[in-house]
Amino acid sequence: MALFKKRTVGKPGEWYYCLVHQKVEEGPECPAKDRFGPYTTREEAEHAMETAQERNLEWETDPKWHDATGPAPEDD
């Protein structure tokens, strides 16, 4: 018995952005490894690459996610 069933037909209202075809799809048409989503609206899916770029920039500049480059502070 399979743990996860492979869905071949998407649900109406689920939107994805396919990274291979660089297009918005309603329902999962391409494999999960090749898409972002699901999004609740077509417009959200159309901006998937911009959203990812913004989140990457936030992560790259967030000091909580980077090790300190200088010496460790001393305990007094």
N, C-alpha and C. Protein backbone atom coordinates (compact mmCIF):
# COMPACT_ATOMS: atom_id res chain seq x y z
N MET A 1 0.84 -1.17 0.00
CA MET A 1 0.00 0.00 0.00
C MET A 1 0.89 1.24 0.00
N ALA A 2 0.62 2.13 -0.90
CA ALA A 2 1.41 3.35 -1.01
C ALA A 2 1.07 4.30 0.13
N LEU A 3 2.10 4.94 0.64
CA LEU A 3 1.91 5.89 1.72
C LEU A 3 1.24 7.16 1.22
N PHE A 4 1.67 7.61 0.05
CA PHE A 4 1.08 8.80 -0.56
C PHE A 4 0.54 8.42 -1.93
N LYS A 5 -0.65 8.88 -2.22
CA LYS A 5 -1.23 8.63 -3.53
C LYS A 5 -0.77 9.72 -4.48
N LYS A 6 -0.44 9.35 -5.69
CA LYS A 6 -0.04 10.33 -6.69
C LYS A 6 -1.30 10.92 -7.31
N ARG A 7 -1.43 12.24 -7.16
CA ARG A 7 -2.57 12.92 -7.76
C ARG A 7 -2.23 13.29 -9.18
N THR A 8 -3.05 12.88 -10.09
CA THR A 8 -2.83 13.24 -11.48
C THR A 8 -3.73 14.39 -11.90
N VAL A 9 -4.78 14.64 -11.15
CA VAL A 9 -5.71 15.71 -11.45
C VAL A 9 -5.72 16.68 -10.29
N GLY A 10 -5.57 17.94 -10.59
CA GLY A 10 -5.54 18.95 -9.55
C GLY A 10 -6.92 19.35 -9.10
N LYS A 11 -6.96 19.97 -7.95
CA LYS A 11 -8.22 20.49 -7.44
C LYS A 11 -8.46 21.86 -8.06
N PRO A 12 -9.68 22.15 -8.42
CA PRO A 12 -9.98 23.50 -8.90
C PRO A 12 -9.64 24.52 -7.82
N GLY A 13 -8.99 25.59 -8.20
CA GLY A 13 -8.61 26.61 -7.25
C GLY A 13 -7.22 26.47 -6.68
N GLU A 14 -6.53 25.38 -6.98
CA GLU A 14 -5.13 25.23 -6.58
C GLU A 14 -4.27 25.65 -7.75
N TRP A 15 -3.40 26.61 -7.50
CA TRP A 15 -2.55 27.14 -8.57
C TRP A 15 -1.09 26.85 -8.24
N TYR A 16 -0.33 26.53 -9.27
CA TYR A 16 1.09 26.22 -9.14
C TYR A 16 1.88 26.99 -10.19
N TYR A 17 3.17 27.18 -9.90
CA TYR A 17 4.07 27.76 -10.89
C TYR A 17 5.07 26.69 -11.26
N CYS A 18 5.09 26.30 -12.53
CA CYS A 18 6.00 25.26 -13.01
C CYS A 18 7.35 25.91 -13.34
N LEU A 19 8.41 25.41 -12.71
CA LEU A 19 9.75 25.94 -12.91
C LEU A 19 10.34 25.50 -14.25
N VAL A 20 9.91 24.37 -14.77
CA VAL A 20 10.43 23.86 -16.04
C VAL A 20 9.80 24.62 -17.21
N HIS A 21 8.49 24.73 -17.20
CA HIS A 21 7.78 25.37 -18.30
C HIS A 21 7.60 26.88 -18.10
N GLN A 22 7.93 27.36 -16.89
CA GLN A 22 7.81 28.77 -16.52
C GLN A 22 6.42 29.32 -16.83
N LYS A 23 5.43 28.58 -16.30
CA LYS A 23 4.05 29.00 -16.51
C LYS A 23 3.21 28.59 -15.31
N VAL A 24 2.07 29.24 -15.19
CA VAL A 24 1.12 28.96 -14.12
C VAL A 24 0.21 27.83 -14.57
N GLU A 25 -0.05 26.91 -13.63
CA GLU A 25 -0.91 25.76 -13.93
C GLU A 25 -1.99 25.65 -12.86
N GLU A 26 -3.19 25.31 -13.26
CA GLU A 26 -4.23 25.03 -12.27
C GLU A 26 -4.18 23.54 -11.99
N GLY A 27 -3.91 23.22 -10.75
CA GLY A 27 -3.74 21.83 -10.37
C GLY A 27 -2.33 21.37 -10.68
N PRO A 28 -1.89 20.29 -10.04
CA PRO A 28 -0.52 19.82 -10.26
C PRO A 28 -0.37 19.07 -11.58
N GLU A 29 0.09 19.76 -12.60
CA GLU A 29 0.31 19.12 -13.89
C GLU A 29 1.72 18.53 -13.98
N CYS A 30 2.69 19.19 -13.38
CA CYS A 30 4.09 18.75 -13.42
C CYS A 30 4.48 18.15 -12.07
N PRO A 31 5.57 17.38 -12.04
CA PRO A 31 6.00 16.77 -10.77
C PRO A 31 6.29 17.83 -9.70
N ALA A 32 6.11 17.44 -8.44
CA ALA A 32 6.29 18.36 -7.32
C ALA A 32 7.69 18.97 -7.30
N LYS A 33 8.70 18.24 -7.73
CA LYS A 33 10.06 18.75 -7.72
C LYS A 33 10.26 19.91 -8.70
N ASP A 34 9.33 20.09 -9.60
CA ASP A 34 9.45 21.12 -10.64
C ASP A 34 8.47 22.27 -10.47
N ARG A 35 7.87 22.42 -9.28
CA ARG A 35 6.86 23.46 -9.16
C ARG A 35 6.87 24.10 -7.78
N PHE A 36 6.34 25.31 -7.71
CA PHE A 36 6.05 26.01 -6.46
C PHE A 36 4.55 25.99 -6.28
N GLY A 37 4.11 25.90 -5.04
CA GLY A 37 2.68 25.97 -4.77
C GLY A 37 2.26 24.90 -3.80
N PRO A 38 1.00 24.84 -3.50
CA PRO A 38 -0.12 25.50 -4.17
C PRO A 38 -0.33 26.93 -3.66
N TYR A 39 -0.88 27.74 -4.53
CA TYR A 39 -1.28 29.10 -4.22
C TYR A 39 -2.80 29.16 -4.31
N THR A 40 -3.39 30.11 -3.60
CA THR A 40 -4.85 30.20 -3.58
C THR A 40 -5.41 30.95 -4.78
N THR A 41 -4.56 31.77 -5.42
CA THR A 41 -5.04 32.52 -6.60
C THR A 41 -4.03 32.40 -7.73
N ARG A 42 -4.51 32.61 -8.92
CA ARG A 42 -3.64 32.60 -10.10
C ARG A 42 -2.60 33.72 -10.00
N GLU A 43 -3.02 34.88 -9.47
CA GLU A 43 -2.11 36.02 -9.35
C GLU A 43 -0.93 35.72 -8.43
N GLU A 44 -1.20 35.02 -7.31
CA GLU A 44 -0.12 34.62 -6.41
C GLU A 44 0.86 33.71 -7.13
N ALA A 45 0.36 32.76 -7.89
CA ALA A 45 1.22 31.84 -8.63
C ALA A 45 2.03 32.57 -9.70
N GLU A 46 1.43 33.59 -10.33
CA GLU A 46 2.15 34.35 -11.35
C GLU A 46 3.35 35.08 -10.77
N HIS A 47 3.28 35.40 -9.48
CA HIS A 47 4.37 36.13 -8.82
C HIS A 47 5.24 35.21 -7.97
N ALA A 48 5.21 33.92 -8.22
CA ALA A 48 5.94 32.96 -7.40
C ALA A 48 7.45 33.22 -7.41
N MET A 49 8.00 33.55 -8.55
CA MET A 49 9.45 33.78 -8.63
C MET A 49 9.84 35.04 -7.86
N GLU A 50 9.03 36.10 -7.94
CA GLU A 50 9.33 37.31 -7.18
C GLU A 50 9.23 37.05 -5.68
N THR A 51 8.22 36.28 -5.28
CA THR A 51 8.05 35.94 -3.87
C THR A 51 9.26 35.15 -3.37
N ALA A 52 9.71 34.19 -4.15
CA ALA A 52 10.87 33.39 -3.77
C ALA A 52 12.12 34.27 -3.67
N GLN A 53 12.29 35.18 -4.61
CA GLN A 53 13.44 36.08 -4.60
C GLN A 53 13.42 36.97 -3.35
N GLU A 54 12.26 37.50 -2.99
CA GLU A 54 12.13 38.33 -1.79
C GLU A 54 12.45 37.53 -0.53
N ARG A 55 11.94 36.30 -0.46
CA ARG A 55 12.20 35.46 0.71
C ARG A 55 13.67 35.08 0.80
N ASN A 56 14.30 34.81 -0.32
CA ASN A 56 15.73 34.50 -0.31
C ASN A 56 16.53 35.69 0.20
N LEU A 57 16.19 36.89 -0.24
CA LEU A 57 16.89 38.09 0.21
C LEU A 57 16.70 38.29 1.71
N GLU A 58 15.48 38.08 2.19
CA GLU A 58 15.23 38.20 3.63
C GLU A 58 16.08 37.21 4.41
N TRP A 59 16.18 35.99 3.93
CA TRP A 59 16.96 34.96 4.61
C TRP A 59 18.44 35.32 4.58
N GLU A 60 18.93 35.78 3.44
CA GLU A 60 20.35 36.11 3.31
C GLU A 60 20.77 37.27 4.20
N THR A 61 19.84 38.17 4.51
CA THR A 61 20.17 39.33 5.33
C THR A 61 19.70 39.22 6.77
N ASP A 62 19.12 38.10 7.15
CA ASP A 62 18.64 37.90 8.52
C ASP A 62 19.79 37.44 9.40
N PRO A 63 20.18 38.24 10.39
CA PRO A 63 21.32 37.87 11.24
C PRO A 63 21.07 36.62 12.09
N LYS A 64 19.82 36.25 12.32
CA LYS A 64 19.53 35.05 13.11
C LYS A 64 19.95 33.77 12.40
N TRP A 65 20.10 33.82 11.07
CA TRP A 65 20.39 32.61 10.31
C TRP A 65 21.86 32.49 9.92
N HIS A 66 22.70 33.37 10.44
CA HIS A 66 24.11 33.32 10.09
C HIS A 66 24.96 33.23 11.35
N ASP A 67 26.04 32.48 11.25
CA ASP A 67 26.97 32.40 12.37
C ASP A 67 27.72 33.71 12.47
N ALA A 68 28.15 34.02 13.67
CA ALA A 68 28.96 35.22 13.88
C ALA A 68 30.29 35.06 13.19
N THR A 69 30.76 36.11 12.54
CA THR A 69 32.04 36.02 11.82
C THR A 69 33.21 36.41 12.71
N GLY A 70 32.94 37.13 13.76
CA GLY A 70 34.02 37.58 14.65
C GLY A 70 34.19 36.62 15.81
N PRO A 71 35.07 36.99 16.75
CA PRO A 71 35.27 36.13 17.93
C PRO A 71 34.03 36.10 18.80
N ALA A 72 33.84 35.01 19.50
CA ALA A 72 32.68 34.85 20.37
C ALA A 72 32.79 35.81 21.54
N PRO A 73 31.67 36.38 21.98
CA PRO A 73 31.73 37.30 23.13
C PRO A 73 32.13 36.54 24.39
N GLU A 74 32.87 37.22 25.26
CA GLU A 74 33.34 36.59 26.49
C GLU A 74 32.28 36.74 27.58
N ASP A 75 32.14 35.69 28.38
CA ASP A 75 31.22 35.75 29.52
C ASP A 75 31.93 36.42 30.68
N ASP A 76 31.27 37.37 31.32
CA ASP A 76 31.86 38.05 32.48
C ASP A 76 31.23 37.57 33.75
